[in-house]
N, C-alpha and C. Protein backbone atom coordinates (compact mmCIF):
# COMPACT_ATOMS: atom_id res chain seq x y z
N MET A 1 0.66 -1.05 -0.10
CA MET A 1 -0.27 -0.10 0.17
C MET A 1 0.72 1.10 -0.06
N GLY A 2 0.50 2.45 -0.83
CA GLY A 2 1.36 3.55 -0.92
C GLY A 2 1.26 4.66 0.39
N LYS A 3 1.96 5.25 0.37
CA LYS A 3 1.74 6.50 1.16
C LYS A 3 0.41 7.12 1.08
N LYS A 4 -0.07 7.67 2.42
CA LYS A 4 -0.98 8.72 1.84
C LYS A 4 -0.80 10.14 2.62
N ILE A 5 -1.39 11.14 2.04
CA ILE A 5 -1.26 12.66 2.52
C ILE A 5 -1.97 12.68 3.66
N TYR A 6 -1.84 13.26 4.77
CA TYR A 6 -2.47 13.57 5.99
C TYR A 6 -2.05 15.13 6.34
N ARG A 7 -3.04 15.57 6.78
CA ARG A 7 -3.04 16.75 7.73
C ARG A 7 -2.49 16.12 8.93
N LEU A 8 -1.20 17.11 9.92
CA LEU A 8 -1.14 16.41 11.05
C LEU A 8 -1.76 17.33 12.03
N ASP A 9 -2.08 16.55 13.23
CA ASP A 9 -2.92 17.06 14.28
C ASP A 9 -1.55 17.63 15.09
N ASN A 10 -0.81 18.47 15.03
CA ASN A 10 0.24 18.87 16.17
C ASN A 10 0.23 20.35 16.62
N GLY A 11 -0.75 20.88 16.45
CA GLY A 11 -0.93 22.05 17.39
C GLY A 11 -0.61 23.28 16.25
N THR A 12 -0.41 22.94 14.91
CA THR A 12 -0.25 24.18 13.88
C THR A 12 -1.77 24.69 13.29
N LEU A 13 -1.55 25.84 12.56
CA LEU A 13 -2.79 26.23 11.93
C LEU A 13 -3.86 24.90 11.38
N ALA A 14 -3.49 24.26 10.53
CA ALA A 14 -3.94 22.99 9.98
C ALA A 14 -3.58 21.78 9.88
N GLY A 15 -1.99 22.07 9.90
CA GLY A 15 -1.46 20.85 9.70
C GLY A 15 -1.04 20.69 8.17
N VAL A 16 -1.66 21.37 7.35
CA VAL A 16 -1.15 21.05 6.24
C VAL A 16 0.47 20.98 5.50
N CYS A 17 1.17 21.72 5.98
CA CYS A 17 2.51 21.94 5.74
C CYS A 17 3.44 20.78 6.30
N GLY A 18 2.73 20.52 7.59
CA GLY A 18 3.74 19.38 8.18
C GLY A 18 3.31 18.01 7.52
N GLY A 19 1.96 17.76 7.14
CA GLY A 19 1.50 16.48 6.41
C GLY A 19 2.20 16.68 5.19
N LEU A 20 2.35 17.59 4.09
CA LEU A 20 3.12 17.55 3.14
C LEU A 20 4.55 17.24 3.23
N GLY A 21 5.10 18.00 4.24
CA GLY A 21 6.50 17.73 4.37
C GLY A 21 6.68 16.22 4.71
N GLU A 22 5.88 15.80 5.62
CA GLU A 22 6.07 14.43 5.98
C GLU A 22 5.99 13.33 4.68
N PHE A 23 4.93 13.62 3.97
CA PHE A 23 4.71 12.61 3.01
C PHE A 23 6.05 12.76 1.81
N PHE A 24 6.63 14.42 1.73
CA PHE A 24 7.53 13.98 0.56
C PHE A 24 8.80 14.18 1.24
N ASN A 25 8.87 13.90 2.56
CA ASN A 25 10.24 13.62 3.46
C ASN A 25 11.34 14.70 3.19
N ILE A 26 10.46 15.97 3.24
CA ILE A 26 11.36 17.32 3.44
C ILE A 26 11.04 18.13 4.73
N ASP A 27 11.49 18.71 5.10
CA ASP A 27 11.36 19.87 6.20
C ASP A 27 9.93 20.63 6.17
N PRO A 28 9.26 20.67 6.58
CA PRO A 28 7.84 21.33 6.78
C PRO A 28 7.96 23.09 6.46
N ASN A 29 9.22 23.37 6.98
CA ASN A 29 9.52 24.94 6.96
C ASN A 29 9.85 25.03 5.25
N ILE A 30 10.25 24.22 4.36
CA ILE A 30 10.55 24.41 3.05
C ILE A 30 9.21 24.52 2.42
N ILE A 31 8.01 23.57 2.96
CA ILE A 31 6.61 23.87 2.33
C ILE A 31 6.33 25.11 2.78
N ARG A 32 6.27 25.70 3.83
CA ARG A 32 5.73 26.75 4.51
C ARG A 32 6.35 28.12 3.84
N LEU A 33 7.80 28.18 3.35
CA LEU A 33 8.16 29.32 2.96
C LEU A 33 7.63 29.21 1.26
N ILE A 34 7.42 28.10 0.63
CA ILE A 34 6.69 27.80 -0.59
C ILE A 34 5.35 28.56 -0.49
N TRP A 35 4.85 28.20 0.34
CA TRP A 35 3.39 28.40 0.75
C TRP A 35 3.18 29.99 0.86
N ALA A 36 4.33 30.56 1.65
CA ALA A 36 4.00 32.12 1.84
C ALA A 36 4.37 32.94 0.83
N ILE A 37 5.70 32.50 -0.15
CA ILE A 37 5.73 33.08 -1.39
C ILE A 37 4.65 33.01 -2.60
N SER A 38 3.84 31.97 -2.55
CA SER A 38 2.97 31.94 -3.34
C SER A 38 1.81 32.76 -3.30
N SER A 39 1.32 32.73 -1.60
CA SER A 39 0.66 33.29 -0.99
C SER A 39 0.87 35.03 -1.33
N ILE A 40 1.70 35.36 -1.40
CA ILE A 40 2.26 36.83 -1.61
C ILE A 40 2.39 37.22 -3.08
N VAL A 41 2.63 36.49 -3.71
CA VAL A 41 3.09 36.86 -5.30
C VAL A 41 1.51 36.57 -6.07
N GLY A 42 0.69 35.79 -5.91
CA GLY A 42 -0.69 35.69 -6.56
C GLY A 42 -1.52 35.41 -5.61
N GLY A 43 -1.57 35.15 -4.30
CA GLY A 43 -2.65 34.50 -3.66
C GLY A 43 -3.43 33.36 -3.63
N LEU A 44 -2.80 32.37 -4.69
CA LEU A 44 -3.03 31.09 -5.16
C LEU A 44 -2.67 30.05 -3.69
N GLY A 45 -1.55 30.67 -3.21
CA GLY A 45 -1.01 29.96 -1.86
C GLY A 45 -2.30 29.52 -0.71
N VAL A 46 -2.93 30.96 -0.42
CA VAL A 46 -4.16 30.94 0.25
C VAL A 46 -5.33 30.06 -0.05
N PHE A 47 -5.30 30.12 -1.27
CA PHE A 47 -6.78 29.26 -1.90
C PHE A 47 -6.17 27.85 -1.61
N ALA A 48 -5.11 27.50 -1.88
CA ALA A 48 -4.66 26.00 -2.13
C ALA A 48 -4.33 25.29 -0.89
N TYR A 49 -4.15 26.37 0.16
CA TYR A 49 -4.04 26.01 1.63
C TYR A 49 -5.37 25.86 2.28
N ILE A 50 -6.14 26.50 1.89
CA ILE A 50 -7.74 26.31 2.35
C ILE A 50 -8.39 25.04 1.78
N VAL A 51 -8.12 25.00 0.55
CA VAL A 51 -8.38 23.53 0.00
C VAL A 51 -8.07 22.44 0.72
N ALA A 52 -6.68 22.43 0.76
CA ALA A 52 -5.97 21.27 1.30
C ALA A 52 -6.46 20.87 2.63
N ALA A 53 -6.56 22.25 3.54
CA ALA A 53 -7.32 21.72 4.96
C ALA A 53 -8.33 21.41 4.66
N LEU A 54 -9.60 21.88 3.75
CA LEU A 54 -10.97 20.95 3.94
C LEU A 54 -10.97 19.27 3.01
N VAL A 55 -9.72 19.29 2.65
CA VAL A 55 -10.05 17.91 1.56
C VAL A 55 -9.08 16.87 2.48
N LEU A 56 -7.97 17.11 2.80
CA LEU A 56 -6.97 16.23 3.33
C LEU A 56 -7.43 15.92 4.88
N PRO A 57 -7.42 14.31 5.06
CA PRO A 57 -7.87 13.68 6.66
C PRO A 57 -6.76 14.09 7.61
N LYS A 58 -7.18 14.14 8.58
CA LYS A 58 -6.43 14.61 9.69
C LYS A 58 -5.59 13.04 10.14
N LYS A 59 -4.19 13.39 10.39
CA LYS A 59 -3.33 12.23 11.05
C LYS A 59 -3.11 12.68 12.54
N SER A 60 -3.59 11.90 13.46
CA SER A 60 -3.13 12.53 14.87
C SER A 60 -1.60 11.97 15.35
N THR A 61 -1.00 12.97 15.90
CA THR A 61 0.38 12.51 16.00
C THR A 61 0.58 12.05 17.65
N VAL A 62 -0.64 11.98 18.42
CA VAL A 62 -0.76 11.57 19.74
C VAL A 62 -0.11 10.27 19.63
N ARG A 63 0.57 9.66 20.69
CA ARG A 63 0.88 8.40 20.59
C ARG A 63 0.37 7.92 22.14
N TRP A 64 -0.31 6.44 21.78
CA TRP A 64 -1.11 5.86 22.97
C TRP A 64 -0.10 4.66 23.25
N ASP A 65 0.71 4.67 23.75
CA ASP A 65 1.49 3.52 24.49
C ASP A 65 1.17 3.20 25.74
């Protein structure tokens, strides 16, 4: 079974950047930087973030050991 994209439930705004960073195995701050630049340049980043926050399922980062 392949990897799935989730939003992380870790106290951030909606967890989209953290989930994308985990999926692509890169630092979430790089995703946040790309999001900020795309938001400033044309506003597409804000729209894409809202859509991703509504569409992607949540993945809890809480461990129940």
